[in-house]
N, C-alpha and C. Protein backbone atom coordinates (compact mmCIF):
# COMPACT_ATOMS: atom_id res chain seq x y z
N UNK A 1 -51.74 -25.41 16.70
CA UNK A 1 -51.38 -24.05 16.29
C UNK A 1 -50.75 -23.48 17.65
N UNK A 2 -49.56 -22.71 17.26
CA UNK A 2 -48.95 -22.04 18.28
C UNK A 2 -49.24 -20.57 18.70
N UNK A 3 -49.33 -20.49 19.88
CA UNK A 3 -49.77 -18.86 20.23
C UNK A 3 -48.57 -18.06 20.45
N UNK A 4 -48.65 -17.01 19.93
CA UNK A 4 -47.53 -15.88 20.26
C UNK A 4 -47.82 -15.40 21.69
N UNK A 5 -46.77 -15.08 22.37
CA UNK A 5 -46.78 -14.50 23.68
C UNK A 5 -46.85 -12.90 23.57
N UNK A 6 -47.53 -12.31 24.53
CA UNK A 6 -47.59 -10.84 24.47
C UNK A 6 -46.23 -10.27 24.78
N UNK A 7 -45.82 -9.24 24.15
CA UNK A 7 -44.36 -8.72 24.65
C UNK A 7 -44.64 -8.02 25.93
N UNK A 8 -43.59 -8.06 26.72
CA UNK A 8 -43.49 -7.25 28.06
C UNK A 8 -43.49 -5.75 27.73
N UNK A 9 -43.70 -5.19 28.88
CA UNK A 9 -43.48 -3.56 28.79
C UNK A 9 -42.06 -3.16 28.47
N UNK A 10 -41.17 -3.91 28.77
CA UNK A 10 -39.87 -3.55 28.56
C UNK A 10 -39.36 -3.88 27.02
N UNK A 11 -40.18 -4.80 26.28
CA UNK A 11 -39.90 -5.03 24.94
C UNK A 11 -40.78 -4.18 24.03
N UNK A 12 -41.57 -3.46 24.40
CA UNK A 12 -42.26 -2.68 23.39
C UNK A 12 -41.58 -1.33 23.05
N UNK A 13 -41.98 -0.82 21.89
CA UNK A 13 -41.33 0.28 21.35
C UNK A 13 -42.43 1.32 21.18
N UNK A 14 -42.15 2.63 21.72
CA UNK A 14 -43.14 3.65 21.56
C UNK A 14 -42.83 4.31 20.29
N UNK A 15 -43.84 4.40 19.46
CA UNK A 15 -43.86 5.14 18.02
C UNK A 15 -44.50 6.45 18.14
N UNK A 16 -43.95 7.47 17.79
CA UNK A 16 -44.49 8.74 17.66
C UNK A 16 -44.51 9.20 16.24
N UNK A 17 -45.51 9.86 15.86
CA UNK A 17 -45.65 10.28 14.50
C UNK A 17 -45.67 11.89 14.53
N UNK A 18 -45.29 12.48 13.48
CA UNK A 18 -45.12 13.98 13.41
C UNK A 18 -46.77 14.56 13.37
N UNK A 19 -46.92 15.48 14.13
CA UNK A 19 -48.30 16.16 14.23
C UNK A 19 -49.20 15.46 15.14
N UNK A 20 -48.87 14.36 15.76
CA UNK A 20 -49.69 13.73 16.57
C UNK A 20 -49.10 13.62 18.14
N UNK A 21 -49.42 14.11 18.99
CA UNK A 21 -48.95 14.28 20.34
C UNK A 21 -47.72 15.05 20.44
N UNK A 22 -46.92 14.96 21.52
CA UNK A 22 -45.91 15.64 21.99
C UNK A 22 -44.63 15.10 21.46
N UNK A 23 -43.92 15.97 20.46
CA UNK A 23 -42.72 15.22 19.88
C UNK A 23 -41.42 16.06 20.37
N UNK A 24 -41.50 16.86 21.67
CA UNK A 24 -40.62 17.57 22.14
C UNK A 24 -39.45 16.72 22.72
N UNK A 25 -39.84 15.55 23.06
CA UNK A 25 -38.82 14.72 23.52
C UNK A 25 -37.96 14.16 22.53
N UNK A 26 -38.25 14.18 21.21
CA UNK A 26 -37.49 13.63 20.18
C UNK A 26 -36.49 14.68 19.60
N UNK A 27 -35.41 14.43 19.34
CA UNK A 27 -34.37 15.36 18.88
C UNK A 27 -34.42 15.32 17.47
N UNK A 28 -35.43 16.00 16.74
CA UNK A 28 -35.46 16.06 15.38
C UNK A 28 -34.92 17.15 14.77
N UNK A 29 -34.35 17.03 13.56
CA UNK A 29 -33.60 18.25 12.89
C UNK A 29 -34.81 19.17 12.34
N UNK A 30 -34.31 20.28 12.03
CA UNK A 30 -35.24 21.27 11.40
C UNK A 30 -35.61 20.78 10.09
N UNK A 31 -36.65 20.87 9.45
CA UNK A 31 -37.11 20.35 8.05
C UNK A 31 -36.09 20.89 7.19
N UNK A 32 -35.74 22.21 7.10
CA UNK A 32 -34.90 22.86 6.23
C UNK A 32 -33.36 22.13 6.32
N UNK A 33 -33.04 21.83 7.36
CA UNK A 33 -31.52 21.03 7.60
C UNK A 33 -31.79 19.83 6.98
N UNK A 34 -32.77 19.01 7.29
CA UNK A 34 -32.96 17.71 6.64
C UNK A 34 -32.98 17.70 5.23
N UNK A 35 -33.70 18.66 4.60
CA UNK A 35 -33.86 18.65 3.17
C UNK A 35 -32.49 19.08 2.51
N UNK A 36 -31.87 20.15 3.02
CA UNK A 36 -30.60 20.46 2.71
C UNK A 36 -29.55 19.26 2.64
N UNK A 37 -29.39 18.51 3.73
CA UNK A 37 -28.43 17.47 3.71
C UNK A 37 -29.01 16.30 2.61
N UNK A 38 -30.20 16.12 2.69
CA UNK A 38 -30.60 15.10 1.65
C UNK A 38 -30.29 15.55 0.25
N UNK A 39 -30.65 16.63 -0.05
CA UNK A 39 -30.24 17.07 -1.49
C UNK A 39 -28.74 17.03 -1.71
N UNK A 40 -27.99 17.49 -0.82
CA UNK A 40 -26.44 17.28 -0.87
C UNK A 40 -25.92 15.82 -1.13
N UNK A 41 -26.54 14.94 -0.25
CA UNK A 41 -25.98 13.58 -0.31
C UNK A 41 -26.56 12.87 -1.63
N UNK A 42 -27.80 13.30 -2.02
CA UNK A 42 -28.19 12.82 -3.34
C UNK A 42 -27.45 13.28 -4.47
N UNK A 43 -27.08 14.58 -4.59
CA UNK A 43 -26.21 15.10 -5.45
C UNK A 43 -24.74 14.29 -5.52
N UNK A 44 -24.19 14.23 -4.30
CA UNK A 44 -22.99 13.37 -4.50
C UNK A 44 -23.19 11.93 -4.83
N UNK A 45 -24.20 11.44 -4.43
CA UNK A 45 -24.43 9.99 -5.10
C UNK A 45 -24.51 9.89 -6.27
N UNK A 46 -25.13 10.97 -7.12
CA UNK A 46 -25.24 11.14 -8.62
C UNK A 46 -23.86 11.24 -9.01
N UNK A 47 -23.09 12.00 -8.42
CA UNK A 47 -21.62 12.25 -8.98
C UNK A 47 -20.98 11.03 -8.92
N UNK A 48 -21.07 10.14 -7.85
CA UNK A 48 -20.33 8.83 -7.65
C UNK A 48 -20.76 7.91 -8.66
N UNK A 49 -22.08 7.81 -8.99
CA UNK A 49 -22.60 7.00 -10.01
C UNK A 49 -21.95 7.33 -11.56
N UNK A 50 -21.88 8.64 -11.68
CA UNK A 50 -21.28 9.12 -13.07
C UNK A 50 -19.73 8.83 -12.86
N UNK A 51 -19.13 9.14 -11.82
CA UNK A 51 -17.66 8.77 -11.91
C UNK A 51 -17.42 7.24 -11.95
N UNK A 52 -18.22 6.25 -11.51
CA UNK A 52 -18.02 4.84 -11.79
C UNK A 52 -18.35 4.50 -13.03
N UNK A 53 -19.26 5.12 -13.67
CA UNK A 53 -19.59 4.96 -15.25
C UNK A 53 -18.34 5.21 -16.04
N UNK A 54 -17.79 6.47 -15.66
CA UNK A 54 -16.56 7.03 -16.39
C UNK A 54 -15.36 5.91 -16.15
N UNK A 55 -15.25 5.41 -14.85
CA UNK A 55 -14.27 4.50 -14.58
C UNK A 55 -14.32 3.18 -15.39
N UNK A 56 -15.48 2.74 -15.38
CA UNK A 56 -15.72 1.42 -16.12
C UNK A 56 -15.55 1.64 -17.66
N UNK A 57 -15.75 2.72 -18.16
CA UNK A 57 -15.53 2.97 -19.67
C UNK A 57 -13.93 3.17 -19.77
N UNK A 58 -13.22 3.69 -18.84
CA UNK A 58 -11.85 3.87 -18.99
C UNK A 58 -11.03 2.34 -18.91
N UNK A 59 -11.60 1.57 -18.03
CA UNK A 59 -11.05 0.32 -17.89
C UNK A 59 -11.37 -0.50 -19.10
N UNK A 60 -12.54 -0.45 -19.72
CA UNK A 60 -12.72 -1.10 -21.02
C UNK A 60 -11.86 -0.67 -22.01
N UNK A 61 -11.71 0.60 -22.29
CA UNK A 61 -10.77 1.15 -23.37
C UNK A 61 -9.45 0.70 -23.06
N UNK A 62 -8.94 0.70 -21.85
CA UNK A 62 -7.50 0.31 -21.56
C UNK A 62 -7.37 -1.12 -21.88
N UNK A 63 -8.21 -1.96 -21.64
CA UNK A 63 -8.37 -3.37 -21.97
C UNK A 63 -8.29 -3.67 -23.28
N UNK A 64 -9.00 -2.84 -24.14
CA UNK A 64 -9.20 -2.81 -25.64
C UNK A 64 -7.66 -2.60 -26.09
N UNK A 65 -7.14 -1.63 -25.44
CA UNK A 65 -5.65 -1.37 -25.98
C UNK A 65 -4.71 -2.32 -25.53
N UNK A 66 -4.95 -3.46 -24.77
CA UNK A 66 -3.95 -4.49 -24.58
C UNK A 66 -3.39 -4.06 -23.07
N UNK A 67 -3.90 -3.15 -22.22
CA UNK A 67 -3.35 -2.87 -20.98
C UNK A 67 -3.52 -4.00 -20.12
N UNK A 68 -2.54 -4.46 -19.37
CA UNK A 68 -2.69 -5.52 -18.23
C UNK A 68 -3.10 -4.69 -16.99
N UNK A 69 -4.38 -4.86 -16.64
CA UNK A 69 -4.97 -4.15 -15.45
C UNK A 69 -4.48 -4.43 -14.28
N UNK A 70 -3.88 -5.70 -14.08
CA UNK A 70 -3.18 -6.09 -12.83
C UNK A 70 -2.03 -5.15 -12.64
N UNK A 71 -1.32 -5.08 -13.78
CA UNK A 71 0.08 -4.23 -13.77
C UNK A 71 -0.25 -2.98 -13.69
N UNK A 72 -1.29 -2.41 -14.41
CA UNK A 72 -1.62 -0.80 -14.17
C UNK A 72 -2.19 -0.53 -12.58
N UNK A 73 -2.91 -1.39 -12.06
CA UNK A 73 -3.38 -1.27 -10.92
C UNK A 73 -2.21 -1.28 -9.73
N UNK A 74 -1.25 -2.15 -9.95
CA UNK A 74 -0.09 -2.31 -9.11
C UNK A 74 0.79 -0.92 -9.31
N UNK A 75 0.86 -0.40 -10.46
CA UNK A 75 1.61 0.91 -10.53
C UNK A 75 0.95 2.03 -9.86
N UNK A 76 -0.31 1.91 -9.98
CA UNK A 76 -1.09 3.04 -9.41
C UNK A 76 -0.94 2.90 -7.86
N UNK A 77 -1.00 1.57 -7.35
CA UNK A 77 -0.81 1.50 -5.85
C UNK A 77 0.42 2.02 -5.32
N UNK A 78 1.59 1.56 -6.09
CA UNK A 78 2.91 2.10 -5.79
C UNK A 78 3.06 3.46 -5.80
N UNK A 79 2.51 4.14 -6.73
CA UNK A 79 2.52 5.69 -6.84
C UNK A 79 1.72 6.33 -5.70
N UNK A 80 0.62 5.80 -5.36
CA UNK A 80 -0.17 6.25 -4.26
C UNK A 80 0.55 5.99 -2.95
N UNK A 81 1.28 4.89 -2.72
CA UNK A 81 1.83 4.72 -1.38
C UNK A 81 3.06 5.59 -1.35
N UNK A 82 3.72 5.89 -2.53
CA UNK A 82 4.93 6.89 -2.51
C UNK A 82 5.96 6.28 -1.38
N UNK A 83 6.19 5.00 -1.41
CA UNK A 83 7.13 4.40 -0.61
C UNK A 83 8.05 3.43 -1.21
N UNK A 84 9.06 4.06 -2.01
CA UNK A 84 10.03 3.34 -2.84
C UNK A 84 10.62 2.18 -2.09
N UNK A 85 10.89 2.16 -0.68
CA UNK A 85 11.55 1.24 -0.01
C UNK A 85 10.58 -0.08 0.07
N UNK A 86 9.35 0.23 0.23
CA UNK A 86 8.30 -0.72 0.32
C UNK A 86 8.04 -1.51 -0.86
N UNK A 87 8.08 -0.61 -2.14
CA UNK A 87 7.98 -1.23 -3.56
C UNK A 87 9.10 -2.17 -3.65
N UNK A 88 10.49 -1.61 -3.46
CA UNK A 88 11.55 -2.41 -3.71
C UNK A 88 11.64 -3.68 -2.85
N UNK A 89 11.15 -3.69 -1.65
CA UNK A 89 11.04 -4.98 -0.90
C UNK A 89 10.19 -5.83 -1.53
N UNK A 90 8.97 -5.36 -2.11
CA UNK A 90 8.01 -6.11 -2.72
C UNK A 90 8.45 -7.01 -3.72
N UNK A 91 9.28 -6.17 -4.70
CA UNK A 91 9.75 -6.66 -6.09
C UNK A 91 10.94 -7.71 -5.62
N UNK A 92 11.78 -7.32 -4.67
CA UNK A 92 12.83 -8.25 -4.23
C UNK A 92 12.21 -9.63 -3.87
N UNK A 93 11.13 -9.47 -3.08
CA UNK A 93 10.46 -10.86 -2.55
C UNK A 93 9.94 -11.54 -3.97
N UNK A 94 9.40 -10.92 -4.90
CA UNK A 94 8.91 -11.54 -5.94
C UNK A 94 10.02 -12.19 -6.80
N UNK A 95 11.17 -11.50 -6.78
CA UNK A 95 12.36 -12.06 -7.40
C UNK A 95 12.81 -13.34 -6.69
N UNK A 96 12.88 -13.25 -5.22
CA UNK A 96 13.25 -14.37 -4.51
C UNK A 96 12.39 -15.49 -4.75
N UNK A 97 11.11 -15.28 -4.99
CA UNK A 97 10.10 -16.46 -5.25
C UNK A 97 10.36 -17.14 -6.58
N UNK A 98 10.56 -16.10 -7.42
CA UNK A 98 11.04 -16.55 -8.98
C UNK A 98 12.22 -17.41 -9.01
N UNK A 99 13.33 -16.90 -8.10
CA UNK A 99 14.61 -17.58 -8.17
C UNK A 99 14.35 -18.97 -7.51
N UNK A 100 13.63 -19.19 -6.57
CA UNK A 100 13.71 -20.33 -5.90
C UNK A 100 12.48 -21.26 -6.40
N UNK A 101 11.67 -20.68 -7.24
CA UNK A 101 10.53 -21.32 -7.82
C UNK A 101 11.10 -22.27 -9.20
N UNK A 102 10.27 -22.45 -10.05
CA UNK A 102 10.48 -23.18 -11.27
C UNK A 102 10.52 -22.29 -12.36
N UNK A 103 10.50 -20.90 -12.10
CA UNK A 103 10.41 -19.95 -13.31
C UNK A 103 11.62 -19.57 -13.87
N UNK A 104 11.73 -19.44 -15.11
CA UNK A 104 12.91 -18.99 -15.85
C UNK A 104 13.05 -17.50 -15.74
N UNK A 105 12.15 -16.68 -15.17
CA UNK A 105 12.19 -15.21 -15.07
C UNK A 105 12.97 -14.78 -13.80
N UNK A 106 13.58 -13.59 -13.81
CA UNK A 106 14.29 -12.91 -12.85
C UNK A 106 14.11 -11.66 -12.77
N UNK A 107 13.91 -10.75 -11.69
CA UNK A 107 13.69 -9.43 -11.77
C UNK A 107 15.05 -8.78 -11.36
N UNK A 108 15.22 -7.52 -11.74
CA UNK A 108 16.29 -6.58 -11.21
C UNK A 108 15.73 -5.50 -10.98
N UNK A 109 15.97 -5.01 -9.60
CA UNK A 109 15.20 -3.67 -9.31
C UNK A 109 16.31 -2.63 -9.02
N UNK A 110 15.99 -1.44 -9.64
CA UNK A 110 16.91 -0.32 -9.57
C UNK A 110 16.18 0.92 -8.99
N UNK A 111 16.52 1.37 -8.11
CA UNK A 111 15.86 2.81 -7.55
C UNK A 111 16.74 3.90 -8.25
N UNK A 112 16.03 4.38 -9.38
CA UNK A 112 16.78 5.33 -10.17
C UNK A 112 16.90 6.65 -9.45
N UNK A 113 16.13 6.98 -8.42
CA UNK A 113 16.32 8.27 -7.70
C UNK A 113 17.57 8.14 -6.66
N UNK A 114 18.06 6.82 -6.27
CA UNK A 114 18.98 6.75 -5.42
C UNK A 114 20.27 7.16 -5.71
N UNK A 115 20.61 7.47 -7.09
CA UNK A 115 21.87 7.89 -7.61
C UNK A 115 22.51 6.68 -8.35
N UNK A 116 23.71 6.63 -8.56
CA UNK A 116 24.37 5.70 -9.49
C UNK A 116 24.37 4.30 -8.81
N UNK A 117 24.69 3.46 -9.60
CA UNK A 117 24.60 1.89 -9.17
C UNK A 117 25.28 1.56 -8.02
N UNK A 118 26.41 2.29 -7.89
CA UNK A 118 27.44 1.92 -6.71
C UNK A 118 26.78 2.41 -5.54
N UNK A 119 26.05 3.63 -5.43
CA UNK A 119 25.37 4.04 -4.37
C UNK A 119 24.36 3.05 -3.83
N UNK A 120 23.60 2.75 -4.93
CA UNK A 120 22.46 1.76 -4.65
C UNK A 120 22.87 0.46 -4.08
N UNK A 121 23.90 -0.06 -4.59
CA UNK A 121 24.50 -1.44 -4.07
C UNK A 121 25.10 -1.15 -2.71
N UNK A 122 25.67 -0.11 -2.39
CA UNK A 122 26.21 0.15 -1.16
C UNK A 122 25.05 0.15 0.02
N UNK A 123 24.01 0.96 -0.36
CA UNK A 123 22.75 1.03 0.43
C UNK A 123 22.15 -0.13 0.68
N UNK A 124 22.10 -1.12 -0.42
CA UNK A 124 21.37 -2.52 -0.37
C UNK A 124 22.25 -3.27 0.68
N UNK A 125 23.69 -3.33 0.46
CA UNK A 125 24.55 -4.15 1.30
C UNK A 125 24.51 -3.68 2.78
N UNK A 126 24.30 -2.40 3.07
CA UNK A 126 24.27 -1.98 4.38
C UNK A 126 22.91 -2.41 5.10
N UNK A 127 21.93 -2.26 4.23
CA UNK A 127 20.51 -2.61 4.79
C UNK A 127 20.43 -3.99 5.12
N UNK A 128 20.85 -4.72 4.03
CA UNK A 128 20.86 -6.17 4.39
C UNK A 128 21.68 -6.67 5.55
N UNK A 129 22.82 -5.99 5.63
CA UNK A 129 23.76 -6.34 6.95
C UNK A 129 23.00 -5.95 8.18
N UNK A 130 22.47 -4.82 8.29
CA UNK A 130 21.84 -4.27 9.34
C UNK A 130 20.61 -4.98 9.65
N UNK A 131 19.99 -5.47 8.82
CA UNK A 131 18.64 -6.42 9.10
C UNK A 131 19.03 -7.81 9.25
N UNK A 132 20.42 -8.23 9.39
CA UNK A 132 20.85 -9.53 9.60
C UNK A 132 20.44 -10.53 8.58
N UNK A 133 20.22 -9.99 7.29
CA UNK A 133 20.13 -10.88 6.47
C UNK A 133 21.40 -11.50 5.78
N UNK A 134 21.32 -12.78 5.37
CA UNK A 134 22.48 -13.34 4.78
C UNK A 134 23.23 -12.65 3.77
N UNK A 135 24.32 -12.54 3.60
CA UNK A 135 25.15 -11.70 2.54
C UNK A 135 24.82 -12.57 1.20
N UNK A 136 24.00 -11.74 0.36
CA UNK A 136 23.69 -12.46 -0.93
C UNK A 136 23.77 -11.38 -2.05
N UNK A 137 25.00 -11.18 -2.43
CA UNK A 137 25.35 -10.27 -3.54
C UNK A 137 25.01 -11.04 -4.82
N UNK A 138 24.14 -10.21 -5.85
CA UNK A 138 23.97 -10.79 -7.15
C UNK A 138 24.96 -10.30 -8.21
N UNK A 139 26.04 -9.82 -7.50
CA UNK A 139 27.18 -9.42 -8.53
C UNK A 139 28.27 -10.49 -8.61
N UNK A 140 28.79 -10.54 -9.83
CA UNK A 140 29.83 -11.59 -9.91
C UNK A 140 30.99 -11.42 -8.95
N UNK A 141 31.44 -12.38 -8.55
CA UNK A 141 32.43 -12.61 -7.43
C UNK A 141 33.76 -11.74 -8.09
N UNK A 142 34.31 -10.92 -7.24
CA UNK A 142 35.54 -10.17 -7.89
C UNK A 142 35.18 -8.92 -8.32
N UNK A 143 33.95 -8.62 -8.65
CA UNK A 143 33.56 -7.39 -9.36
C UNK A 143 33.48 -6.13 -8.48
N UNK A 144 33.68 -4.89 -8.93
CA UNK A 144 33.62 -3.80 -8.24
C UNK A 144 32.43 -3.69 -7.15
N UNK A 145 31.19 -3.91 -7.88
CA UNK A 145 30.08 -3.85 -7.23
C UNK A 145 29.89 -5.06 -6.12
N UNK A 146 30.43 -6.15 -6.27
CA UNK A 146 30.34 -7.09 -5.25
C UNK A 146 31.29 -6.70 -4.14
N UNK A 147 32.38 -5.94 -4.38
CA UNK A 147 33.19 -5.47 -3.19
C UNK A 147 32.31 -4.45 -2.37
N UNK A 148 31.83 -3.55 -3.16
CA UNK A 148 31.03 -2.36 -2.58
C UNK A 148 30.01 -3.07 -1.71
N UNK A 149 29.14 -3.93 -2.21
CA UNK A 149 28.11 -4.75 -1.46
C UNK A 149 28.67 -5.44 -0.27
N UNK A 150 29.83 -6.13 -0.21
CA UNK A 150 30.38 -6.78 0.84
C UNK A 150 30.82 -5.93 1.92
N UNK A 151 31.50 -4.92 1.58
CA UNK A 151 32.14 -3.88 2.42
C UNK A 151 30.92 -3.19 3.28
N UNK A 152 29.88 -2.83 2.59
CA UNK A 152 28.78 -2.27 3.32
C UNK A 152 27.94 -3.23 3.98
N UNK A 153 27.73 -4.49 3.52
CA UNK A 153 27.12 -5.44 4.43
C UNK A 153 27.72 -5.55 5.66
N UNK A 154 29.10 -5.55 5.73
CA UNK A 154 30.00 -5.66 7.01
C UNK A 154 29.55 -4.61 7.91
N UNK A 155 29.57 -3.31 7.26
CA UNK A 155 29.20 -2.02 8.19
C UNK A 155 27.89 -2.11 8.64
N UNK A 156 26.95 -2.75 7.91
CA UNK A 156 25.55 -2.92 8.48
C UNK A 156 25.56 -3.86 9.59
N UNK A 157 26.30 -5.00 9.62
CA UNK A 157 26.59 -5.95 10.64
C UNK A 157 27.14 -5.24 11.87
N UNK A 158 28.08 -4.41 11.58
CA UNK A 158 28.69 -3.72 12.70
C UNK A 158 27.81 -2.71 13.40
N UNK A 159 26.87 -2.15 12.59
CA UNK A 159 25.84 -1.12 13.16
C UNK A 159 25.05 -1.86 14.11
N UNK A 160 24.79 -3.08 13.98
CA UNK A 160 23.81 -3.78 14.76
C UNK A 160 24.37 -3.62 16.15
N UNK A 161 25.62 -3.85 16.37
CA UNK A 161 26.20 -4.01 17.63
C UNK A 161 26.95 -2.62 18.02
N UNK A 162 26.65 -1.68 17.31
CA UNK A 162 27.20 -0.16 17.58
C UNK A 162 28.65 -0.27 17.58
N UNK A 163 29.35 -1.09 16.74
CA UNK A 163 30.71 -1.27 16.79
C UNK A 163 31.48 -0.01 16.10
N UNK A 164 30.52 0.60 15.16
CA UNK A 164 31.07 1.84 14.57
C UNK A 164 30.17 2.88 14.73
N UNK A 165 30.61 4.23 14.67
CA UNK A 165 29.64 5.31 14.87
C UNK A 165 28.88 5.58 13.68
N UNK A 166 29.37 5.20 12.40
CA UNK A 166 28.58 5.46 11.28
C UNK A 166 27.41 4.46 10.98
N UNK A 167 26.21 4.96 10.76
CA UNK A 167 25.26 4.06 10.38
C UNK A 167 24.78 4.41 8.95
N UNK A 168 25.59 5.09 8.22
CA UNK A 168 25.33 5.46 6.85
C UNK A 168 26.26 4.44 5.94
N UNK A 169 25.60 3.99 4.78
CA UNK A 169 26.57 3.29 3.93
C UNK A 169 27.44 4.41 3.27
N UNK A 170 28.65 3.88 2.81
CA UNK A 170 29.49 4.81 2.07
C UNK A 170 29.92 3.98 0.91
N UNK A 171 30.22 4.68 -0.35
CA UNK A 171 30.49 4.14 -1.56
C UNK A 171 32.06 3.82 -1.46
N UNK A 172 32.28 2.51 -1.64
CA UNK A 172 33.60 1.98 -1.52
C UNK A 172 34.30 2.04 -3.01
N UNK A 173 35.44 2.80 -3.07
CA UNK A 173 35.89 2.80 -4.47
C UNK A 173 36.89 1.47 -4.60
N UNK A 174 36.49 0.93 -5.72
CA UNK A 174 37.33 -0.41 -5.95
C UNK A 174 38.44 0.01 -6.86
N UNK A 175 39.59 -0.70 -6.50
CA UNK A 175 40.74 -0.30 -7.38
C UNK A 175 41.13 -1.27 -8.18
């Protein structure tokens, strides 16, 4: 049989109970404060539990309606982030993975708030050039949009070395 050793004085813990001895050294809250915060926290915990139940029911209803919850959660996340450039970069990377994988799917990403397609292509070309990405226009060779992309890709490349004063993409009118 093994004997337990007696704890040293440094390892002991002093326990004080309410109403016995001197509790002035303890920094105890007033009972009214304690009860107020306890009631507040319990009330909010109940609200959280109720909200979680509503959320579970909403998810079940959405699934029954055929909603893809991964897609819905992704849309909610994109809206919450409110960062269109981040979302476009994400989907471009998904498209890149699809293009170089064995999938027959491709994604086309359009920023509808950016303006017309030519402005969007100009911005993409400039950003790709400035980020030193390889020139990879998805537009048919010789098309107006391919020319806009190429022109602004070169401007982005020039901006890296401060060759031009302009760091904004310009829409190039194809003739």
